[in-house]
Amino acid sequence: YQSSILDTICEEEIYVFSGDSLYGNGLYEFGYQTLDGCDSLILLELIQLPKPNINIDSPVPFCLGDTLSIDVNNGSGFNLRWQDLNMGVFPRNFESGGSYYLEYEDADECLYVDTLIIPDPIVIDIQALDLSDYNDFGVSCAGGNDGFIELATEGGRAPYRYFWNNQENSERRSNLSAGTYHILAMDATGCMD
């Protein structure tokens, strides 16, 4: 008597058949003899499914608030999960660097875990170093334009570029009138705050 079995296994999976541990692709033969002397042959063909390729597109430099783009090749129907408190959150912002574990399961129910090493994001912090103060007012009188602001920036990599209300300028502005000013600092790597 002869019987054939065709089965698939996931990469890195162990297939146990008749007490033997089998790894990877192959054609395996198992011979048996019954108590009354009849011979049986089982042919087992194992096909190992390829592990998907995970491509991670990390911006360079990696700035605070940046996200990673994750692309899975070699298959379809993937479930992606982070193995931490933010399980299932895509895209994901990384507030700090470190080792993160990405778990993914394909349509064949093969489960894989990859470790991603995320660099510490570049953080830029802008503070007002000096502000004009005329008895708790930013200018000396109504309609005046004698206010000033000087900024101090930490983090990132110097030199810094400053954009005041979307126009480039320096870290110190003078001859300002009363109002709201929006400031964006960009470091030499292109990270902004």
N, C-alpha and C. Protein backbone atom coordinates (compact mmCIF):
# COMPACT_ATOMS: atom_id res chain seq x y z
N TYR A 1 0.85 -1.18 0.00
CA TYR A 1 0.00 0.00 0.00
C TYR A 1 0.89 1.23 0.00
N GLN A 2 0.55 2.25 -0.82
CA GLN A 2 1.31 3.49 -0.88
C GLN A 2 0.34 4.66 -0.80
N SER A 3 0.75 5.68 -0.05
CA SER A 3 -0.06 6.87 0.14
C SER A 3 0.83 8.10 -0.01
N SER A 4 0.29 9.19 -0.55
CA SER A 4 1.05 10.43 -0.71
C SER A 4 0.37 11.56 0.06
N ILE A 5 1.20 12.37 0.68
CA ILE A 5 0.71 13.54 1.43
C ILE A 5 1.49 14.75 0.93
N LEU A 6 0.79 15.81 0.64
CA LEU A 6 1.39 17.09 0.27
C LEU A 6 1.01 18.09 1.35
N ASP A 7 2.00 18.75 1.95
CA ASP A 7 1.71 19.70 3.02
C ASP A 7 2.68 20.88 2.93
N THR A 8 2.30 21.97 3.54
CA THR A 8 3.14 23.17 3.56
C THR A 8 3.51 23.50 5.00
N ILE A 9 4.68 24.12 5.14
CA ILE A 9 5.10 24.62 6.45
C ILE A 9 5.62 26.04 6.27
N CYS A 10 5.59 26.78 7.35
CA CYS A 10 6.11 28.15 7.35
C CYS A 10 7.62 28.10 7.52
N GLU A 11 8.29 29.14 7.03
CA GLU A 11 9.74 29.22 7.24
C GLU A 11 10.01 29.24 8.74
N GLU A 12 11.05 28.54 9.15
CA GLU A 12 11.46 28.42 10.55
C GLU A 12 10.54 27.49 11.35
N GLU A 13 9.58 26.85 10.71
CA GLU A 13 8.67 25.93 11.40
C GLU A 13 9.23 24.51 11.35
N ILE A 14 8.96 23.74 12.36
CA ILE A 14 9.35 22.33 12.43
C ILE A 14 8.09 21.50 12.19
N TYR A 15 8.21 20.53 11.30
CA TYR A 15 7.09 19.64 10.97
C TYR A 15 7.41 18.28 11.58
N VAL A 16 6.57 17.83 12.45
CA VAL A 16 6.81 16.53 13.10
C VAL A 16 5.89 15.50 12.46
N PHE A 17 6.50 14.42 11.95
CA PHE A 17 5.74 13.34 11.34
C PHE A 17 6.36 12.02 11.77
N SER A 18 5.56 11.17 12.32
CA SER A 18 6.00 9.84 12.75
C SER A 18 7.23 9.91 13.66
N GLY A 19 7.23 10.94 14.54
CA GLY A 19 8.33 11.09 15.50
C GLY A 19 9.56 11.77 14.95
N ASP A 20 9.58 12.09 13.66
CA ASP A 20 10.73 12.77 13.06
C ASP A 20 10.44 14.26 12.94
N SER A 21 11.45 15.07 13.21
CA SER A 21 11.36 16.53 13.02
C SER A 21 11.90 16.87 11.64
N LEU A 22 11.07 17.50 10.84
CA LEU A 22 11.43 17.83 9.46
C LEU A 22 11.49 19.34 9.29
N TYR A 23 12.47 19.78 8.51
CA TYR A 23 12.68 21.20 8.27
C TYR A 23 12.73 21.45 6.77
N GLY A 24 12.01 22.43 6.30
CA GLY A 24 12.15 22.87 4.92
C GLY A 24 11.55 21.97 3.87
N ASN A 25 11.83 22.34 2.62
CA ASN A 25 11.32 21.60 1.46
C ASN A 25 11.92 20.20 1.42
N GLY A 26 11.15 19.26 0.91
CA GLY A 26 11.70 17.93 0.72
C GLY A 26 10.64 16.88 0.45
N LEU A 27 11.12 15.72 -0.03
CA LEU A 27 10.28 14.56 -0.25
C LEU A 27 10.78 13.50 0.73
N TYR A 28 9.92 13.08 1.62
CA TYR A 28 10.29 12.16 2.68
C TYR A 28 9.51 10.86 2.52
N GLU A 29 10.19 9.74 2.76
CA GLU A 29 9.54 8.42 2.69
C GLU A 29 9.50 7.80 4.07
N PHE A 30 8.36 7.24 4.40
CA PHE A 30 8.20 6.55 5.67
C PHE A 30 7.63 5.16 5.37
N GLY A 31 8.33 4.12 5.80
CA GLY A 31 7.88 2.75 5.59
C GLY A 31 7.34 2.16 6.89
N TYR A 32 6.24 1.46 6.78
CA TYR A 32 5.61 0.83 7.93
C TYR A 32 5.29 -0.62 7.58
N GLN A 33 5.24 -1.43 8.61
CA GLN A 33 4.81 -2.81 8.43
C GLN A 33 3.78 -3.11 9.50
N THR A 34 2.65 -3.63 9.05
CA THR A 34 1.58 -3.97 9.99
C THR A 34 1.95 -5.25 10.74
N LEU A 35 1.18 -5.61 11.76
CA LEU A 35 1.43 -6.80 12.56
C LEU A 35 1.30 -8.08 11.73
N ASP A 36 0.47 -8.03 10.70
CA ASP A 36 0.31 -9.24 9.87
C ASP A 36 1.25 -9.25 8.67
N GLY A 37 2.25 -8.32 8.65
CA GLY A 37 3.30 -8.37 7.64
C GLY A 37 3.06 -7.56 6.39
N CYS A 38 2.01 -6.79 6.31
CA CYS A 38 1.78 -5.97 5.12
C CYS A 38 2.64 -4.71 5.19
N ASP A 39 3.24 -4.37 4.06
CA ASP A 39 4.09 -3.17 3.99
C ASP A 39 3.27 -1.99 3.49
N SER A 40 3.58 -0.81 4.07
CA SER A 40 2.96 0.44 3.63
C SER A 40 4.07 1.47 3.43
N LEU A 41 3.88 2.32 2.46
CA LEU A 41 4.82 3.38 2.19
C LEU A 41 4.06 4.69 2.13
N ILE A 42 4.52 5.66 2.90
CA ILE A 42 3.92 7.00 2.87
C ILE A 42 4.97 7.95 2.32
N LEU A 43 4.59 8.68 1.26
CA LEU A 43 5.45 9.70 0.68
C LEU A 43 4.92 11.06 1.14
N LEU A 44 5.77 11.82 1.81
CA LEU A 44 5.38 13.13 2.31
C LEU A 44 6.20 14.18 1.56
N GLU A 45 5.50 15.07 0.86
CA GLU A 45 6.18 16.17 0.20
C GLU A 45 5.88 17.44 0.98
N LEU A 46 6.94 18.06 1.48
CA LEU A 46 6.80 19.30 2.24
C LEU A 46 7.26 20.47 1.38
N ILE A 47 6.45 21.50 1.38
CA ILE A 47 6.80 22.74 0.69
C ILE A 47 6.87 23.84 1.73
N GLN A 48 8.05 24.44 1.82
CA GLN A 48 8.22 25.54 2.79
C GLN A 48 7.80 26.85 2.13
N LEU A 49 6.87 27.53 2.78
CA LEU A 49 6.41 28.82 2.27
C LEU A 49 7.46 29.88 2.59
N PRO A 50 7.77 30.77 1.64
CA PRO A 50 8.81 31.77 1.89
C PRO A 50 8.34 32.81 2.90
N LYS A 51 9.28 33.22 3.73
CA LYS A 51 9.00 34.28 4.69
C LYS A 51 8.84 35.59 3.92
N PRO A 52 7.82 36.36 4.24
CA PRO A 52 7.63 37.64 3.55
C PRO A 52 8.80 38.58 3.82
N ASN A 53 9.06 39.43 2.87
CA ASN A 53 10.06 40.48 3.06
C ASN A 53 9.37 41.70 3.63
N ILE A 54 9.89 42.21 4.71
CA ILE A 54 9.37 43.43 5.32
C ILE A 54 10.32 44.56 4.95
N ASN A 55 9.80 45.54 4.25
CA ASN A 55 10.58 46.72 3.91
C ASN A 55 10.10 47.88 4.75
N ILE A 56 11.03 48.50 5.43
CA ILE A 56 10.68 49.62 6.30
C ILE A 56 11.34 50.87 5.76
N ASP A 57 10.52 51.85 5.50
CA ASP A 57 11.03 53.11 4.99
C ASP A 57 11.04 54.10 6.15
N SER A 58 12.24 54.33 6.66
CA SER A 58 12.41 55.26 7.77
C SER A 58 13.01 56.54 7.23
N PRO A 59 12.38 57.66 7.54
CA PRO A 59 12.95 58.91 7.05
C PRO A 59 14.31 59.17 7.68
N VAL A 60 15.19 59.77 6.90
CA VAL A 60 16.51 60.15 7.41
C VAL A 60 16.62 61.65 7.23
N PRO A 61 16.79 62.41 8.25
CA PRO A 61 16.89 61.99 9.65
C PRO A 61 15.52 61.59 10.19
N PHE A 62 15.55 60.93 11.32
CA PHE A 62 14.31 60.50 11.97
C PHE A 62 13.94 61.56 13.00
N CYS A 63 12.92 62.35 12.68
CA CYS A 63 12.51 63.47 13.53
C CYS A 63 11.35 63.07 14.42
N LEU A 64 11.20 63.75 15.54
CA LEU A 64 10.09 63.49 16.44
C LEU A 64 8.78 63.67 15.68
N GLY A 65 7.90 62.69 15.77
CA GLY A 65 6.62 62.74 15.07
C GLY A 65 6.62 62.08 13.71
N ASP A 66 7.79 61.67 13.22
CA ASP A 66 7.85 60.98 11.93
C ASP A 66 7.21 59.60 12.06
N THR A 67 6.75 59.07 10.94
CA THR A 67 6.18 57.73 10.92
C THR A 67 7.02 56.84 10.02
N LEU A 68 6.88 55.55 10.23
CA LEU A 68 7.54 54.56 9.39
C LEU A 68 6.54 54.03 8.38
N SER A 69 7.00 53.79 7.18
CA SER A 69 6.18 53.15 6.17
C SER A 69 6.62 51.69 6.10
N ILE A 70 5.68 50.78 6.24
CA ILE A 70 5.99 49.36 6.25
C ILE A 70 5.31 48.71 5.05
N ASP A 71 6.11 47.98 4.26
CA ASP A 71 5.63 47.32 3.06
C ASP A 71 5.98 45.84 3.18
N VAL A 72 4.99 44.98 2.98
CA VAL A 72 5.20 43.54 3.07
C VAL A 72 5.13 42.96 1.66
N ASN A 73 6.18 42.23 1.27
CA ASN A 73 6.24 41.58 -0.05
C ASN A 73 6.15 40.07 0.11
N ASN A 74 5.94 39.35 -0.97
CA ASN A 74 5.81 37.88 -1.01
C ASN A 74 4.51 37.42 -0.40
N GLY A 75 3.42 37.94 -0.81
CA GLY A 75 2.16 37.42 -0.31
C GLY A 75 1.13 38.51 -0.14
N SER A 76 0.01 38.12 0.44
CA SER A 76 -1.06 39.09 0.66
C SER A 76 -1.82 38.69 1.91
N GLY A 77 -2.71 39.57 2.34
CA GLY A 77 -3.57 39.28 3.47
C GLY A 77 -2.83 39.28 4.80
N PHE A 78 -1.93 40.21 4.99
CA PHE A 78 -1.15 40.23 6.22
C PHE A 78 -1.85 40.98 7.32
N ASN A 79 -1.70 40.48 8.54
CA ASN A 79 -2.12 41.18 9.74
C ASN A 79 -0.84 41.64 10.43
N LEU A 80 -0.69 42.94 10.61
CA LEU A 80 0.48 43.49 11.27
C LEU A 80 0.10 43.98 12.65
N ARG A 81 0.95 43.70 13.63
CA ARG A 81 0.70 44.14 15.01
C ARG A 81 2.03 44.50 15.65
N TRP A 82 2.01 45.53 16.48
CA TRP A 82 3.15 45.84 17.32
C TRP A 82 3.00 45.05 18.60
N GLN A 83 4.08 44.49 19.12
CA GLN A 83 4.02 43.72 20.36
C GLN A 83 4.33 44.61 21.56
N ASP A 84 3.51 45.62 21.76
CA ASP A 84 3.66 46.49 22.92
C ASP A 84 2.32 47.17 23.16
N LEU A 85 2.34 48.26 23.90
CA LEU A 85 1.09 48.92 24.26
C LEU A 85 0.35 49.52 23.07
N ASN A 86 1.04 49.76 21.97
CA ASN A 86 0.42 50.35 20.79
C ASN A 86 0.10 49.30 19.73
N MET A 87 -0.27 48.10 20.17
CA MET A 87 -0.54 47.03 19.21
C MET A 87 -1.58 47.47 18.18
N GLY A 88 -1.27 47.22 16.94
CA GLY A 88 -2.23 47.47 15.87
C GLY A 88 -2.29 48.90 15.38
N VAL A 89 -1.49 49.81 15.92
CA VAL A 89 -1.56 51.20 15.51
C VAL A 89 -0.65 51.43 14.30
N PHE A 90 -1.25 51.75 13.14
CA PHE A 90 -0.51 52.06 11.91
C PHE A 90 -1.13 53.27 11.27
N PRO A 91 -0.40 54.24 10.76
CA PRO A 91 1.04 54.37 10.99
C PRO A 91 1.29 54.73 12.45
N ARG A 92 2.51 54.65 12.84
CA ARG A 92 2.84 54.85 14.24
C ARG A 92 3.91 55.92 14.39
N ASN A 93 3.68 56.84 15.33
CA ASN A 93 4.69 57.82 15.68
C ASN A 93 5.56 57.25 16.78
N PHE A 94 6.85 57.49 16.71
CA PHE A 94 7.77 56.99 17.73
C PHE A 94 8.29 58.18 18.53
N GLU A 95 7.98 58.19 19.81
CA GLU A 95 8.42 59.25 20.70
C GLU A 95 9.83 59.01 21.19
N SER A 96 10.29 57.77 21.14
CA SER A 96 11.65 57.45 21.59
C SER A 96 12.17 56.28 20.77
N GLY A 97 13.49 56.18 20.72
CA GLY A 97 14.12 55.09 20.00
C GLY A 97 14.12 53.83 20.85
N GLY A 98 14.56 52.74 20.25
CA GLY A 98 14.66 51.48 20.96
C GLY A 98 14.31 50.31 20.06
N SER A 99 14.14 49.17 20.67
CA SER A 99 13.77 47.96 19.95
C SER A 99 12.26 47.80 19.98
N TYR A 100 11.68 47.63 18.83
CA TYR A 100 10.25 47.42 18.70
C TYR A 100 10.03 46.11 17.95
N TYR A 101 9.00 45.39 18.31
CA TYR A 101 8.75 44.08 17.74
C TYR A 101 7.48 44.12 16.91
N LEU A 102 7.66 43.79 15.63
CA LEU A 102 6.55 43.78 14.69
C LEU A 102 6.17 42.33 14.42
N GLU A 103 4.93 42.01 14.70
CA GLU A 103 4.41 40.66 14.49
C GLU A 103 3.52 40.69 13.26
N TYR A 104 3.70 39.72 12.37
CA TYR A 104 2.84 39.68 11.19
C TYR A 104 2.48 38.24 10.87
N GLU A 105 1.25 38.10 10.44
CA GLU A 105 0.70 36.79 10.10
C GLU A 105 0.15 36.88 8.69
N ASP A 106 0.52 35.88 7.86
CA ASP A 106 0.06 35.93 6.48
C ASP A 106 -1.22 35.10 6.30
N ALA A 107 -1.70 35.06 5.07
CA ALA A 107 -2.95 34.35 4.76
C ALA A 107 -2.85 32.86 5.03
N ASP A 108 -1.61 32.31 5.04
CA ASP A 108 -1.40 30.89 5.33
C ASP A 108 -1.25 30.63 6.83
N GLU A 109 -1.49 31.65 7.63
CA GLU A 109 -1.41 31.59 9.09
C GLU A 109 0.01 31.35 9.59
N CYS A 110 0.99 31.74 8.79
CA CYS A 110 2.38 31.72 9.25
C CYS A 110 2.60 32.99 10.08
N LEU A 111 3.15 32.83 11.25
CA LEU A 111 3.37 33.94 12.17
C LEU A 111 4.86 34.22 12.29
N TYR A 112 5.23 35.48 12.11
CA TYR A 112 6.62 35.91 12.18
C TYR A 112 6.74 37.11 13.10
N VAL A 113 7.91 37.27 13.69
CA VAL A 113 8.20 38.44 14.52
C VAL A 113 9.56 38.98 14.09
N ASP A 114 9.62 40.26 13.80
CA ASP A 114 10.87 40.92 13.46
C ASP A 114 11.14 42.02 14.46
N THR A 115 12.41 42.23 14.75
CA THR A 115 12.83 43.30 15.64
C THR A 115 13.26 44.49 14.80
N LEU A 116 12.70 45.64 15.10
CA LEU A 116 13.07 46.87 14.43
C LEU A 116 13.82 47.74 15.42
N ILE A 117 14.99 48.21 15.03
CA ILE A 117 15.76 49.12 15.86
C ILE A 117 15.48 50.52 15.36
N ILE A 118 14.81 51.30 16.18
CA ILE A 118 14.44 52.66 15.81
C ILE A 118 15.41 53.62 16.50
N PRO A 119 16.04 54.52 15.74
CA PRO A 119 16.94 55.48 16.38
C PRO A 119 16.16 56.49 17.21
N ASP A 120 16.83 57.09 18.18
CA ASP A 120 16.18 58.17 18.93
C ASP A 120 15.84 59.29 17.96
N PRO A 121 14.58 59.74 17.98
CA PRO A 121 14.22 60.83 17.07
C PRO A 121 14.88 62.13 17.50
N ILE A 122 15.13 62.97 16.52
CA ILE A 122 15.70 64.28 16.79
C ILE A 122 14.58 65.17 17.31
N VAL A 123 14.81 65.76 18.47
CA VAL A 123 13.81 66.62 19.11
C VAL A 123 14.38 68.04 19.16
N ILE A 124 13.61 68.98 18.69
CA ILE A 124 14.00 70.39 18.73
C ILE A 124 13.05 71.11 19.67
N ASP A 125 13.62 71.90 20.57
CA ASP A 125 12.82 72.63 21.55
C ASP A 125 13.15 74.12 21.43
N ILE A 126 12.11 74.93 21.22
CA ILE A 126 12.28 76.38 21.12
C ILE A 126 11.73 77.02 22.39
N GLN A 127 12.51 77.92 22.96
CA GLN A 127 12.08 78.66 24.15
C GLN A 127 12.31 80.15 23.89
N ALA A 128 11.47 80.97 24.49
CA ALA A 128 11.69 82.42 24.44
C ALA A 128 12.75 82.76 25.46
N LEU A 129 13.88 83.23 25.00
CA LEU A 129 14.99 83.59 25.88
C LEU A 129 14.79 84.98 26.45
N ASP A 130 14.29 85.87 25.61
CA ASP A 130 14.08 87.26 26.04
C ASP A 130 12.87 87.81 25.30
N LEU A 131 11.97 88.46 26.04
CA LEU A 131 10.77 89.07 25.48
C LEU A 131 10.70 90.53 25.92
N SER A 132 10.22 91.38 25.04
CA SER A 132 10.02 92.77 25.46
C SER A 132 8.95 92.81 26.54
N ASP A 133 9.16 93.68 27.52
CA ASP A 133 8.23 93.79 28.64
C ASP A 133 8.11 95.25 29.05
N TYR A 134 6.99 95.82 28.69
CA TYR A 134 6.69 97.20 29.06
C TYR A 134 5.51 97.16 30.03
N ASN A 135 5.83 96.97 31.32
CA ASN A 135 4.79 96.86 32.36
C ASN A 135 3.76 95.78 31.99
N ASP A 136 4.27 94.60 31.68
CA ASP A 136 3.48 93.43 31.32
C ASP A 136 2.83 93.52 29.93
N PHE A 137 3.27 94.45 29.11
CA PHE A 137 2.81 94.55 27.74
C PHE A 137 4.00 94.34 26.82
N GLY A 138 3.76 93.79 25.61
CA GLY A 138 4.83 93.52 24.66
C GLY A 138 5.34 94.74 23.92
N VAL A 139 4.54 95.81 23.88
CA VAL A 139 4.96 97.06 23.25
C VAL A 139 4.72 98.20 24.23
N SER A 140 5.38 99.34 23.99
CA SER A 140 5.32 100.44 24.96
C SER A 140 3.98 101.17 24.95
N CYS A 141 3.28 101.22 23.82
CA CYS A 141 1.97 101.87 23.78
C CYS A 141 1.15 101.28 22.63
N ALA A 142 -0.14 101.54 22.67
CA ALA A 142 -1.03 101.01 21.63
C ALA A 142 -0.54 101.45 20.25
N GLY A 143 -0.45 100.53 19.32
CA GLY A 143 0.00 100.83 17.97
C GLY A 143 1.51 100.88 17.83
N GLY A 144 2.23 100.66 18.93
CA GLY A 144 3.69 100.71 18.89
C GLY A 144 4.29 99.49 18.20
N ASN A 145 5.51 99.66 17.76
CA ASN A 145 6.21 98.54 17.14
C ASN A 145 7.63 98.42 17.70
N ASP A 146 7.73 98.49 19.03
CA ASP A 146 9.03 98.39 19.69
C ASP A 146 9.18 97.09 20.49
N GLY A 147 8.40 96.09 20.14
CA GLY A 147 8.51 94.78 20.81
C GLY A 147 9.65 93.96 20.22
N PHE A 148 10.12 92.99 21.00
CA PHE A 148 11.18 92.10 20.50
C PHE A 148 11.03 90.73 21.14
N ILE A 149 11.56 89.74 20.45
CA ILE A 149 11.60 88.35 20.94
C ILE A 149 12.95 87.78 20.55
N GLU A 150 13.58 87.09 21.51
CA GLU A 150 14.81 86.37 21.21
C GLU A 150 14.59 84.92 21.63
N LEU A 151 14.96 84.00 20.74
CA LEU A 151 14.71 82.58 20.97
C LEU A 151 15.99 81.85 21.35
N ALA A 152 15.81 80.78 22.10
CA ALA A 152 16.89 79.83 22.38
C ALA A 152 16.40 78.47 21.90
N THR A 153 17.25 77.74 21.19
CA THR A 153 16.86 76.46 20.62
C THR A 153 17.81 75.38 21.12
N GLU A 154 17.23 74.25 21.52
CA GLU A 154 18.01 73.10 21.98
C GLU A 154 17.62 71.88 21.17
N GLY A 155 18.53 70.91 21.13
CA GLY A 155 18.27 69.67 20.41
C GLY A 155 18.60 69.82 18.94
N GLY A 156 18.54 68.73 18.24
CA GLY A 156 18.86 68.77 16.83
C GLY A 156 20.31 69.12 16.59
N ARG A 157 20.58 69.65 15.41
CA ARG A 157 21.94 69.98 15.03
C ARG A 157 21.97 71.40 14.46
N ALA A 158 22.82 72.24 15.04
CA ALA A 158 22.99 73.61 14.56
C ALA A 158 23.68 73.57 13.19
N PRO A 159 23.54 74.57 12.38
CA PRO A 159 22.81 75.82 12.63
C PRO A 159 21.30 75.64 12.42
N TYR A 160 20.56 76.56 13.03
CA TYR A 160 19.11 76.52 12.95
C TYR A 160 18.63 77.61 11.99
N ARG A 161 17.51 77.32 11.36
CA ARG A 161 16.82 78.33 10.55
C ARG A 161 15.49 78.59 11.22
N TYR A 162 15.06 79.85 11.21
CA TYR A 162 13.82 80.24 11.86
C TYR A 162 12.86 80.82 10.84
N PHE A 163 11.61 80.45 10.98
CA PHE A 163 10.56 80.96 10.11
C PHE A 163 9.50 81.60 11.00
N TRP A 164 9.31 82.89 10.83
CA TRP A 164 8.33 83.66 11.59
C TRP A 164 7.16 83.93 10.65
N ASN A 165 6.02 83.43 11.00
CA ASN A 165 4.84 83.58 10.15
C ASN A 165 5.18 83.21 8.70
N ASN A 166 5.90 82.07 8.55
CA ASN A 166 6.27 81.48 7.26
C ASN A 166 7.32 82.27 6.48
N GLN A 167 7.98 83.23 7.10
CA GLN A 167 9.07 83.94 6.43
C GLN A 167 10.35 83.72 7.22
N GLU A 168 11.41 83.41 6.50
CA GLU A 168 12.67 83.10 7.17
C GLU A 168 13.26 84.36 7.79
N ASN A 169 13.83 84.16 8.97
CA ASN A 169 14.46 85.24 9.70
C ASN A 169 15.43 84.66 10.70
N SER A 170 15.91 85.46 11.63
CA SER A 170 16.87 85.00 12.63
C SER A 170 16.15 84.65 13.94
N GLU A 171 16.94 84.25 14.94
CA GLU A 171 16.35 83.88 16.23
C GLU A 171 15.93 85.10 17.03
N ARG A 172 16.31 86.29 16.61
CA ARG A 172 15.90 87.52 17.30
C ARG A 172 15.15 88.41 16.32
N ARG A 173 13.98 88.85 16.77
CA ARG A 173 13.17 89.79 15.97
C ARG A 173 12.92 91.02 16.81
N SER A 174 13.02 92.16 16.19
CA SER A 174 12.72 93.42 16.88
C SER A 174 11.78 94.23 16.00
N ASN A 175 11.40 95.37 16.52
CA ASN A 175 10.44 96.26 15.83
C ASN A 175 9.12 95.54 15.56
N LEU A 176 8.70 94.76 16.55
CA LEU A 176 7.44 94.01 16.42
C LEU A 176 6.29 94.80 17.01
N SER A 177 5.15 94.69 16.36
CA SER A 177 3.93 95.26 16.92
C SER A 177 3.22 94.17 17.72
N ALA A 178 2.22 94.56 18.50
CA ALA A 178 1.47 93.59 19.30
C ALA A 178 0.81 92.59 18.36
N GLY A 179 0.79 91.33 18.75
CA GLY A 179 0.16 90.32 17.92
C GLY A 179 0.67 88.93 18.24
N THR A 180 0.20 87.98 17.48
CA THR A 180 0.61 86.58 17.63
C THR A 180 1.58 86.24 16.52
N TYR A 181 2.69 85.61 16.89
CA TYR A 181 3.70 85.22 15.92
C TYR A 181 3.89 83.71 15.97
N HIS A 182 3.88 83.07 14.82
CA HIS A 182 4.09 81.63 14.72
C HIS A 182 5.53 81.40 14.30
N ILE A 183 6.23 80.59 15.08
CA ILE A 183 7.66 80.38 14.86
C ILE A 183 7.91 78.90 14.61
N LEU A 184 8.70 78.63 13.61
CA LEU A 184 9.12 77.27 13.30
C LEU A 184 10.64 77.28 13.20
N ALA A 185 11.29 76.35 13.91
CA ALA A 185 12.73 76.22 13.82
C ALA A 185 13.07 74.95 13.09
N MET A 186 14.06 75.03 12.20
CA MET A 186 14.52 73.86 11.45
C MET A 186 16.02 73.72 11.71
N ASP A 187 16.43 72.50 12.07
CA ASP A 187 17.86 72.29 12.29
C ASP A 187 18.56 71.92 10.98
N ALA A 188 19.87 71.68 11.07
CA ALA A 188 20.67 71.40 9.88
C ALA A 188 20.27 70.10 9.19
N THR A 189 19.59 69.18 9.91
CA THR A 189 19.17 67.91 9.31
C THR A 189 17.80 67.99 8.66
N GLY A 190 17.08 69.10 8.90
CA GLY A 190 15.74 69.25 8.33
C GLY A 190 14.62 68.97 9.30
N CYS A 191 14.94 68.60 10.54
CA CYS A 191 13.89 68.39 11.55
C CYS A 191 13.36 69.74 12.00
N MET A 192 12.05 69.78 12.32
CA MET A 192 11.40 71.04 12.67
C MET A 192 10.60 70.92 13.95
N ASP A 193 10.44 72.09 14.59
CA ASP A 193 9.50 72.24 15.70
C ASP A 193 8.86 73.59 15.58
